[in-house]
Amino acid sequence: MMKNKVMIKAVFPSIDKEYDIKIPVNELVWRVNKLIVKAVYDMNGIPINIKDDKFLLINKTSGEIYRNNDAIIDTNIRNGTEIVFLRET
């Protein structure tokens, strides 16, 4: 049975950083995306415009790109999943 949070590895190639982060499974992908990006950039002292800077969430193993309106629980994101945060151009 799945708990209410899963531990992922968030990979940010643009700043060469990786973080282990717990995310709620009942949250939508776009909300998790924005919260993690803002937190990571704030922690590293890098300015970001959260409204204009968009990131794709990509499964590092399968290459799957997660859709913004999917709930985490409805994706294949589980404990230990590595998610690459790629800035959209």
PDB file of N, CA and C in Angstrom:
ATOM      1  N   MET A   1       0.835  -1.191   0.000  1.00  0.00           N
ATOM      2  CA  MET A   1       0.000   0.000   0.000  1.00  0.00           C
ATOM      3  C   MET A   1       0.876   1.251   0.000  1.00  0.00           C
ATOM      4  N   MET A   2       0.461   2.239  -0.763  1.00  0.00           N
ATOM      5  CA  MET A   2       1.244   3.459  -0.885  1.00  0.00           C
ATOM      6  C   MET A   2       0.926   4.419   0.257  1.00  0.00           C
ATOM      7  N   LYS A   3       1.943   5.021   0.787  1.00  0.00           N
ATOM      8  CA  LYS A   3       1.749   6.030   1.823  1.00  0.00           C
ATOM      9  C   LYS A   3       1.342   7.341   1.156  1.00  0.00           C
ATOM     10  N   ASN A   4       1.193   8.394   1.956  1.00  0.00           N
ATOM     11  CA  ASN A   4       0.745   9.662   1.377  1.00  0.00           C
ATOM     12  C   ASN A   4       1.868  10.486   0.773  1.00  0.00           C
ATOM     13  N   LYS A   5       3.122  10.032   0.918  1.00  0.00           N
ATOM     14  CA  LYS A   5       4.260  10.725   0.300  1.00  0.00           C
ATOM     15  C   LYS A   5       5.228   9.707  -0.275  1.00  0.00           C
ATOM     16  N   VAL A   6       5.958  10.125  -1.288  1.00  0.00           N
ATOM     17  CA  VAL A   6       7.029   9.301  -1.844  1.00  0.00           C
ATOM     18  C   VAL A   6       8.309  10.125  -1.879  1.00  0.00           C
ATOM     19  N   MET A   7       9.444   9.424  -1.782  1.00  0.00           N
ATOM     20  CA  MET A   7      10.751  10.077  -1.843  1.00  0.00           C
ATOM     21  C   MET A   7      11.279   9.951  -3.264  1.00  0.00           C
ATOM     22  N   ILE A   8      11.517  11.107  -3.899  1.00  0.00           N
ATOM     23  CA  ILE A   8      12.072  11.110  -5.256  1.00  0.00           C
ATOM     24  C   ILE A   8      13.460  11.727  -5.222  1.00  0.00           C
ATOM     25  N   LYS A   9      14.201  11.499  -6.294  1.00  0.00           N
ATOM     26  CA  LYS A   9      15.444  12.222  -6.493  1.00  0.00           C
ATOM     27  C   LYS A   9      15.163  13.248  -7.589  1.00  0.00           C
ATOM     28  N   ALA A  10      15.245  14.534  -7.219  1.00  0.00           N
ATOM     29  CA  ALA A  10      15.026  15.626  -8.171  1.00  0.00           C
ATOM     30  C   ALA A  10      16.382  16.017  -8.745  1.00  0.00           C
ATOM     31  N   VAL A  11      16.514  15.886 -10.069  1.00  0.00           N
ATOM     32  CA  VAL A  11      17.780  16.147 -10.752  1.00  0.00           C
ATOM     33  C   VAL A  11      17.641  17.438 -11.563  1.00  0.00           C
ATOM     34  N   PHE A  12      18.544  18.387 -11.298  1.00  0.00           N
ATOM     35  CA  PHE A  12      18.539  19.680 -11.996  1.00  0.00           C
ATOM     36  C   PHE A  12      19.833  19.832 -12.785  1.00  0.00           C
ATOM     37  N   PRO A  13      19.851  19.351 -14.052  1.00  0.00           N
ATOM     38  CA  PRO A  13      21.087  19.434 -14.839  1.00  0.00           C
ATOM     39  C   PRO A  13      21.538  20.873 -15.079  1.00  0.00           C
ATOM     40  N   SER A  14      20.603  21.824 -15.139  1.00  0.00           N
ATOM     41  CA  SER A  14      20.959  23.219 -15.450  1.00  0.00           C
ATOM     42  C   SER A  14      21.827  23.845 -14.359  1.00  0.00           C
ATOM     43  N   ILE A  15      21.727  23.328 -13.122  1.00  0.00           N
ATOM     44  CA  ILE A  15      22.559  23.865 -12.040  1.00  0.00           C
ATOM     45  C   ILE A  15      23.424  22.764 -11.417  1.00  0.00           C
ATOM     46  N   ASP A  16      23.431  21.589 -12.044  1.00  0.00           N
ATOM     47  CA  ASP A  16      24.259  20.455 -11.619  1.00  0.00           C
ATOM     48  C   ASP A  16      24.012  20.085 -10.153  1.00  0.00           C
ATOM     49  N   LYS A  17      22.724  19.924  -9.792  1.00  0.00           N
ATOM     50  CA  LYS A  17      22.349  19.575  -8.424  1.00  0.00           C
ATOM     51  C   LYS A  17      21.319  18.451  -8.434  1.00  0.00           C
ATOM     52  N   GLU A  18      21.333  17.652  -7.349  1.00  0.00           N
ATOM     53  CA  GLU A  18      20.337  16.597  -7.131  1.00  0.00           C
ATOM     54  C   GLU A  18      19.882  16.679  -5.678  1.00  0.00           C
ATOM     55  N   TYR A  19      18.596  16.426  -5.467  1.00  0.00           N
ATOM     56  CA  TYR A  19      18.040  16.469  -4.109  1.00  0.00           C
ATOM     57  C   TYR A  19      17.077  15.309  -3.903  1.00  0.00           C
ATOM     58  N   ASP A  20      17.101  14.725  -2.707  1.00  0.00           N
ATOM     59  CA  ASP A  20      16.082  13.765  -2.310  1.00  0.00           C
ATOM     60  C   ASP A  20      14.955  14.565  -1.672  1.00  0.00           C
ATOM     61  N   ILE A  21      13.756  14.429  -2.202  1.00  0.00           N
ATOM     62  CA  ILE A  21      12.629  15.235  -1.761  1.00  0.00           C
ATOM     63  C   ILE A  21      11.402  14.352  -1.594  1.00  0.00           C
ATOM     64  N   LYS A  22      10.684  14.541  -0.488  1.00  0.00           N
ATOM     65  CA  LYS A  22       9.405  13.853  -0.290  1.00  0.00           C
ATOM     66  C   LYS A  22       8.304  14.696  -0.905  1.00  0.00           C
ATOM     67  N   ILE A  23       7.458  14.044  -1.714  1.00  0.00           N
ATOM     68  CA  ILE A  23       6.341  14.757  -2.341  1.00  0.00           C
ATOM     69  C   ILE A  23       5.031  14.039  -2.018  1.00  0.00           C
ATOM     70  N   PRO A  24       3.948  14.799  -1.886  1.00  0.00           N
ATOM     71  CA  PRO A  24       2.640  14.187  -1.604  1.00  0.00           C
ATOM     72  C   PRO A  24       2.076  13.514  -2.852  1.00  0.00           C
ATOM     73  N   VAL A  25       1.540  12.310  -2.695  1.00  0.00           N
ATOM     74  CA  VAL A  25       1.034  11.566  -3.853  1.00  0.00           C
ATOM     75  C   VAL A  25      -0.320  12.083  -4.338  1.00  0.00           C
ATOM     76  N   ASN A  26      -1.015  12.845  -3.494  1.00  0.00           N
ATOM     77  CA  ASN A  26      -2.335  13.342  -3.901  1.00  0.00           C
ATOM     78  C   ASN A  26      -2.267  14.726  -4.538  1.00  0.00           C
ATOM     79  N   GLU A  27      -1.057  15.214  -4.802  1.00  0.00           N
ATOM     80  CA  GLU A  27      -0.879  16.539  -5.400  1.00  0.00           C
ATOM     81  C   GLU A  27      -0.730  16.407  -6.910  1.00  0.00           C
ATOM     82  N   LEU A  28      -1.029  17.499  -7.623  1.00  0.00           N
ATOM     83  CA  LEU A  28      -0.882  17.518  -9.078  1.00  0.00           C
ATOM     84  C   LEU A  28       0.568  17.796  -9.469  1.00  0.00           C
ATOM     85  N   VAL A  29       0.970  17.250 -10.621  1.00  0.00           N
ATOM     86  CA  VAL A  29       2.339  17.395 -11.112  1.00  0.00           C
ATOM     87  C   VAL A  29       2.738  18.872 -11.195  1.00  0.00           C
ATOM     88  N   TRP A  30       1.891  19.736 -11.730  1.00  0.00           N
ATOM     89  CA  TRP A  30       2.283  21.135 -11.920  1.00  0.00           C
ATOM     90  C   TRP A  30       2.564  21.834 -10.597  1.00  0.00           C
ATOM     91  N   ARG A  31       1.812  21.479  -9.542  1.00  0.00           N
ATOM     92  CA  ARG A  31       2.040  22.117  -8.240  1.00  0.00           C
ATOM     93  C   ARG A  31       3.359  21.637  -7.623  1.00  0.00           C
ATOM     94  N   VAL A  32       3.610  20.344  -7.702  1.00  0.00           N
ATOM     95  CA  VAL A  32       4.872  19.800  -7.208  1.00  0.00           C
ATOM     96  C   VAL A  32       6.041  20.428  -7.969  1.00  0.00           C
ATOM     97  N   ASN A  33       5.894  20.535  -9.273  1.00  0.00           N
ATOM     98  CA  ASN A  33       6.900  21.136 -10.138  1.00  0.00           C
ATOM     99  C   ASN A  33       7.254  22.538  -9.637  1.00  0.00           C
ATOM    100  N   LYS A  34       6.256  23.398  -9.510  1.00  0.00           N
ATOM    101  CA  LYS A  34       6.496  24.789  -9.104  1.00  0.00           C
ATOM    102  C   LYS A  34       7.128  24.887  -7.718  1.00  0.00           C
ATOM    103  N   LEU A  35       6.617  24.102  -6.762  1.00  0.00           N
ATOM    104  CA  LEU A  35       7.134  24.166  -5.395  1.00  0.00           C
ATOM    105  C   LEU A  35       8.597  23.713  -5.323  1.00  0.00           C
ATOM    106  N   ILE A  36       8.918  22.626  -6.002  1.00  0.00           N
ATOM    107  CA  ILE A  36      10.291  22.120  -5.967  1.00  0.00           C
ATOM    108  C   ILE A  36      11.235  23.072  -6.673  1.00  0.00           C
ATOM    109  N   VAL A  37      10.859  23.546  -7.853  1.00  0.00           N
ATOM    110  CA  VAL A  37      11.724  24.470  -8.596  1.00  0.00           C
ATOM    111  C   VAL A  37      12.001  25.723  -7.761  1.00  0.00           C
ATOM    112  N   LYS A  38      10.957  26.298  -7.183  1.00  0.00           N
ATOM    113  CA  LYS A  38      11.135  27.513  -6.385  1.00  0.00           C
ATOM    114  C   LYS A  38      12.057  27.241  -5.198  1.00  0.00           C
ATOM    115  N   ALA A  39      11.824  26.140  -4.488  1.00  0.00           N
ATOM    116  CA  ALA A  39      12.643  25.812  -3.322  1.00  0.00           C
ATOM    117  C   ALA A  39      14.111  25.606  -3.698  1.00  0.00           C
ATOM    118  N   VAL A  40      14.359  24.848  -4.763  1.00  0.00           N
ATOM    119  CA  VAL A  40      15.732  24.548  -5.173  1.00  0.00           C
ATOM    120  C   VAL A  40      16.454  25.819  -5.605  1.00  0.00           C
ATOM    121  N   TYR A  41      15.798  26.645  -6.392  1.00  0.00           N
ATOM    122  CA  TYR A  41      16.447  27.872  -6.854  1.00  0.00           C
ATOM    123  C   TYR A  41      16.666  28.843  -5.696  1.00  0.00           C
ATOM    124  N   ASP A  42      15.710  28.935  -4.772  1.00  0.00           N
ATOM    125  CA  ASP A  42      15.885  29.785  -3.588  1.00  0.00           C
ATOM    126  C   ASP A  42      17.064  29.300  -2.735  1.00  0.00           C
ATOM    127  N   MET A  43      17.148  27.984  -2.510  1.00  0.00           N
ATOM    128  CA  MET A  43      18.232  27.419  -1.693  1.00  0.00           C
ATOM    129  C   MET A  43      19.602  27.712  -2.288  1.00  0.00           C
ATOM    130  N   ASN A  44      19.659  27.811  -3.608  1.00  0.00           N
ATOM    131  CA  ASN A  44      20.930  28.035  -4.291  1.00  0.00           C
ATOM    132  C   ASN A  44      21.170  29.504  -4.629  1.00  0.00           C
ATOM    133  N   GLY A  45      20.261  30.382  -4.185  1.00  0.00           N
ATOM    134  CA  GLY A  45      20.435  31.809  -4.416  1.00  0.00           C
ATOM    135  C   GLY A  45      20.358  32.197  -5.878  1.00  0.00           C
ATOM    136  N   ILE A  46      19.608  31.419  -6.655  1.00  0.00           N
ATOM    137  CA  ILE A  46      19.478  31.696  -8.090  1.00  0.00           C
ATOM    138  C   ILE A  46      18.109  32.324  -8.331  1.00  0.00           C
ATOM    139  N   PRO A  47      18.079  33.514  -8.915  1.00  0.00           N
ATOM    140  CA  PRO A  47      16.773  34.132  -9.176  1.00  0.00           C
ATOM    141  C   PRO A  47      15.986  33.346 -10.219  1.00  0.00           C
ATOM    142  N   ILE A  48      14.682  33.268 -10.024  1.00  0.00           N
ATOM    143  CA  ILE A  48      13.817  32.574 -10.976  1.00  0.00           C
ATOM    144  C   ILE A  48      12.477  33.280 -11.026  1.00  0.00           C
ATOM    145  N   ASN A  49      11.933  33.379 -12.218  1.00  0.00           N
ATOM    146  CA  ASN A  49      10.582  33.920 -12.390  1.00  0.00           C
ATOM    147  C   ASN A  49       9.659  32.720 -12.528  1.00  0.00           C
ATOM    148  N   ILE A  50       9.008  32.346 -11.449  1.00  0.00           N
ATOM    149  CA  ILE A  50       8.231  31.108 -11.397  1.00  0.00           C
ATOM    150  C   ILE A  50       7.052  31.124 -12.373  1.00  0.00           C
ATOM    151  N   LYS A  51       6.617  32.313 -12.773  1.00  0.00           N
ATOM    152  CA  LYS A  51       5.502  32.401 -13.732  1.00  0.00           C
ATOM    153  C   LYS A  51       5.965  32.145 -15.162  1.00  0.00           C
ATOM    154  N   ASP A  52       7.181  32.588 -15.489  1.00  0.00           N
ATOM    155  CA  ASP A  52       7.664  32.495 -16.867  1.00  0.00           C
ATOM    156  C   ASP A  52       8.617  31.329 -17.113  1.00  0.00           C
ATOM    157  N   ASP A  53       9.373  30.935 -16.106  1.00  0.00           N
ATOM    158  CA  ASP A  53      10.315  29.838 -16.276  1.00  0.00           C
ATOM    159  C   ASP A  53       9.580  28.519 -16.084  1.00  0.00           C
ATOM    160  N   LYS A  54       9.525  27.728 -17.137  1.00  0.00           N
ATOM    161  CA  LYS A  54       8.784  26.464 -17.107  1.00  0.00           C
ATOM    162  C   LYS A  54       9.766  25.299 -17.140  1.00  0.00           C
ATOM    163  N   PHE A  55       9.430  24.260 -16.393  1.00  0.00           N
ATOM    164  CA  PHE A  55      10.256  23.065 -16.340  1.00  0.00           C
ATOM    165  C   PHE A  55       9.420  21.850 -16.686  1.00  0.00           C
ATOM    166  N   LEU A  56      10.018  20.954 -17.478  1.00  0.00           N
ATOM    167  CA  LEU A  56       9.410  19.655 -17.743  1.00  0.00           C
ATOM    168  C   LEU A  56       9.895  18.696 -16.675  1.00  0.00           C
ATOM    169  N   LEU A  57       9.014  17.805 -16.229  1.00  0.00           N
ATOM    170  CA  LEU A  57       9.406  16.730 -15.324  1.00  0.00           C
ATOM    171  C   LEU A  57       9.505  15.465 -16.150  1.00  0.00           C
ATOM    172  N   ILE A  58      10.692  14.870 -16.173  1.00  0.00           N
ATOM    173  CA  ILE A  58      10.958  13.721 -17.024  1.00  0.00           C
ATOM    174  C   ILE A  58      11.514  12.582 -16.171  1.00  0.00           C
ATOM    175  N   ASN A  59      10.952  11.382 -16.346  1.00  0.00           N
ATOM    176  CA  ASN A  59      11.448  10.203 -15.656  1.00  0.00           C
ATOM    177  C   ASN A  59      12.816   9.861 -16.244  1.00  0.00           C
ATOM    178  N   LYS A  60      13.846   9.862 -15.401  1.00  0.00           N
ATOM    179  CA  LYS A  60      15.213   9.650 -15.882  1.00  0.00           C
ATOM    180  C   LYS A  60      15.405   8.280 -16.511  1.00  0.00           C
ATOM    181  N   THR A  61      14.691   7.271 -16.012  1.00  0.00           N
ATOM    182  CA  THR A  61      14.846   5.909 -16.508  1.00  0.00           C
ATOM    183  C   THR A  61      14.071   5.671 -17.798  1.00  0.00           C
ATOM    184  N   SER A  62      12.791   6.059 -17.811  1.00  0.00           N
ATOM    185  CA  SER A  62      11.922   5.739 -18.945  1.00  0.00           C
ATOM    186  C   SER A  62      11.853   6.852 -19.992  1.00  0.00           C
ATOM    187  N   GLY A  63      12.231   8.076 -19.607  1.00  0.00           N
ATOM    188  CA  GLY A  63      12.119   9.201 -20.530  1.00  0.00           C
ATOM    189  C   GLY A  63      10.709   9.786 -20.605  1.00  0.00           C
ATOM    190  N   GLU A  64       9.793   9.227 -19.810  1.00  0.00           N
ATOM    191  CA  GLU A  64       8.413   9.727 -19.827  1.00  0.00           C
ATOM    192  C   GLU A  64       8.359  11.166 -19.323  1.00  0.00           C
ATOM    193  N   ILE A  65       7.601  11.997 -20.037  1.00  0.00           N
ATOM    194  CA  ILE A  65       7.356  13.373 -19.617  1.00  0.00           C
ATOM    195  C   ILE A  65       6.005  13.392 -18.910  1.00  0.00           C
ATOM    196  N   TYR A  66       5.993  13.894 -17.675  1.00  0.00           N
ATOM    197  CA  TYR A  66       4.758  13.892 -16.890  1.00  0.00           C
ATOM    198  C   TYR A  66       3.870  15.069 -17.263  1.00  0.00           C
ATOM    199  N   ARG A  67       2.576  14.790 -17.358  1.00  0.00           N
ATOM    200  CA  ARG A  67       1.593  15.817 -17.712  1.00  0.00           C
ATOM    201  C   ARG A  67       1.208  16.611 -16.467  1.00  0.00           C
ATOM    202  N   ASN A  68       1.088  17.931 -16.629  1.00  0.00           N
ATOM    203  CA  ASN A  68       0.853  18.841 -15.512  1.00  0.00           C
ATOM    204  C   ASN A  68      -0.382  18.521 -14.692  1.00  0.00           C
ATOM    205  N   ASN A  69      -1.450  18.078 -15.314  1.00  0.00           N
ATOM    206  CA  ASN A  69      -2.706  17.893 -14.593  1.00  0.00           C
ATOM    207  C   ASN A  69      -2.904  16.489 -14.034  1.00  0.00           C
ATOM    208  N   ASP A  70      -1.875  15.639 -14.131  1.00  0.00           N
ATOM    209  CA  ASP A  70      -1.944  14.311 -13.525  1.00  0.00           C
ATOM    210  C   ASP A  70      -1.629  14.408 -12.041  1.00  0.00           C
ATOM    211  N   ALA A  71      -2.332  13.622 -11.232  1.00  0.00           N
ATOM    212  CA  ALA A  71      -1.969  13.492  -9.822  1.00  0.00           C
ATOM    213  C   ALA A  71      -0.759  12.567  -9.749  1.00  0.00           C
ATOM    214  N   ILE A  72       0.126  12.835  -8.808  1.00  0.00           N
ATOM    215  CA  ILE A  72       1.334  12.009  -8.654  1.00  0.00           C
ATOM    216  C   ILE A  72       0.962  10.531  -8.505  1.00  0.00           C
ATOM    217  N   ILE A  73      -0.083  10.243  -7.758  1.00  0.00           N
ATOM    218  CA  ILE A  73      -0.489   8.847  -7.521  1.00  0.00           C
ATOM    219  C   ILE A  73      -0.912   8.136  -8.814  1.00  0.00           C
ATOM    220  N   ASP A  74      -1.318   8.899  -9.818  1.00  0.00           N
ATOM    221  CA  ASP A  74      -1.753   8.322 -11.100  1.00  0.00           C
ATOM    222  C   ASP A  74      -0.610   8.171 -12.094  1.00  0.00           C
ATOM    223  N   THR A  75       0.611   8.513 -11.671  1.00  0.00           N
ATOM    224  CA  THR A  75       1.785   8.355 -12.539  1.00  0.00           C
ATOM    225  C   THR A  75       2.580   7.143 -12.054  1.00  0.00           C
ATOM    226  N   ASN A  76       3.732   6.904 -12.683  1.00  0.00           N
ATOM    227  CA  ASN A  76       4.606   5.813 -12.229  1.00  0.00           C
ATOM    228  C   ASN A  76       5.664   6.326 -11.249  1.00  0.00           C
ATOM    229  N   ILE A  77       5.448   7.495 -10.665  1.00  0.00           N
ATOM    230  CA  ILE A  77       6.378   8.044  -9.678  1.00  0.00           C
ATOM    231  C   ILE A  77       6.182   7.311  -8.350  1.00  0.00           C
ATOM    232  N   ARG A  78       7.257   6.672  -7.900  1.00  0.00           N
ATOM    233  CA  ARG A  78       7.245   5.917  -6.655  1.00  0.00           C
ATOM    234  C   ARG A  78       8.525   6.232  -5.887  1.00  0.00           C
ATOM    235  N   ASN A  79       8.682   5.663  -4.703  1.00  0.00           N
ATOM    236  CA  ASN A  79       9.907   5.872  -3.930  1.00  0.00           C
ATOM    237  C   ASN A  79      11.125   5.539  -4.779  1.00  0.00           C
ATOM    238  N   GLY A  80      12.083   6.447  -4.801  1.00  0.00           N
ATOM    239  CA  GLY A  80      13.329   6.219  -5.524  1.00  0.00           C
ATOM    240  C   GLY A  80      13.319   6.654  -6.977  1.00  0.00           C
ATOM    241  N   THR A  81      12.165   7.098  -7.500  1.00  0.00           N
ATOM    242  CA  THR A  81      12.110   7.550  -8.894  1.00  0.00           C
ATOM    243  C   THR A  81      12.990   8.790  -9.065  1.00  0.00           C
ATOM    244  N   GLU A  82      13.796   8.778 -10.122  1.00  0.00           N
ATOM    245  CA  GLU A  82      14.622   9.941 -10.428  1.00  0.00           C
ATOM    246  C   GLU A  82      13.887  10.786 -11.466  1.00  0.00           C
ATOM    247  N   ILE A  83      13.626  12.031 -11.099  1.00  0.00           N
ATOM    248  CA  ILE A  83      12.908  12.960 -11.964  1.00  0.00           C
ATOM    249  C   ILE A  83      13.871  14.065 -12.392  1.00  0.00           C
ATOM    250  N   VAL A  84      14.021  14.237 -13.693  1.00  0.00           N
ATOM    251  CA  VAL A  84      14.869  15.296 -14.226  1.00  0.00           C
ATOM    252  C   VAL A  84      13.995  16.526 -14.487  1.00  0.00           C
ATOM    253  N   PHE A  85      14.407  17.647 -13.942  1.00  0.00           N
ATOM    254  CA  PHE A  85      13.722  18.925 -14.145  1.00  0.00           C
ATOM    255  C   PHE A  85      14.458  19.674 -15.247  1.00  0.00           C
ATOM    256  N   LEU A  86      13.876  19.663 -16.446  1.00  0.00           N
ATOM    257  CA  LEU A  86      14.499  20.332 -17.587  1.00  0.00           C
ATOM    258  C   LEU A  86      13.763  21.625 -17.906  1.00  0.00           C
ATOM    259  N   ARG A  87      14.528  22.694 -18.016  1.00  0.00           N
ATOM    260  CA  ARG A  87      13.936  23.988 -18.342  1.00  0.00           C
ATOM    261  C   ARG A  87      13.441  23.965 -19.781  1.00  0.00           C
ATOM    262  N   GLU A  88      12.180  24.379 -19.971  1.00  0.00           N
ATOM    263  CA  GLU A  88      11.628  24.475 -21.320  1.00  0.00           C
ATOM    264  C   GLU A  88      12.196  25.704 -21.988  1.00  0.00           C
ATOM    265  N   THR A  89      12.438  25.595 -23.288  1.00  0.00           N
ATOM    266  CA  THR A  89      12.978  26.753 -24.020  1.00  0.00           C
ATOM    267  C   THR A  89      11.946  27.293 -24.975  1.00  0.00           C
TER     268      THR A  89
END
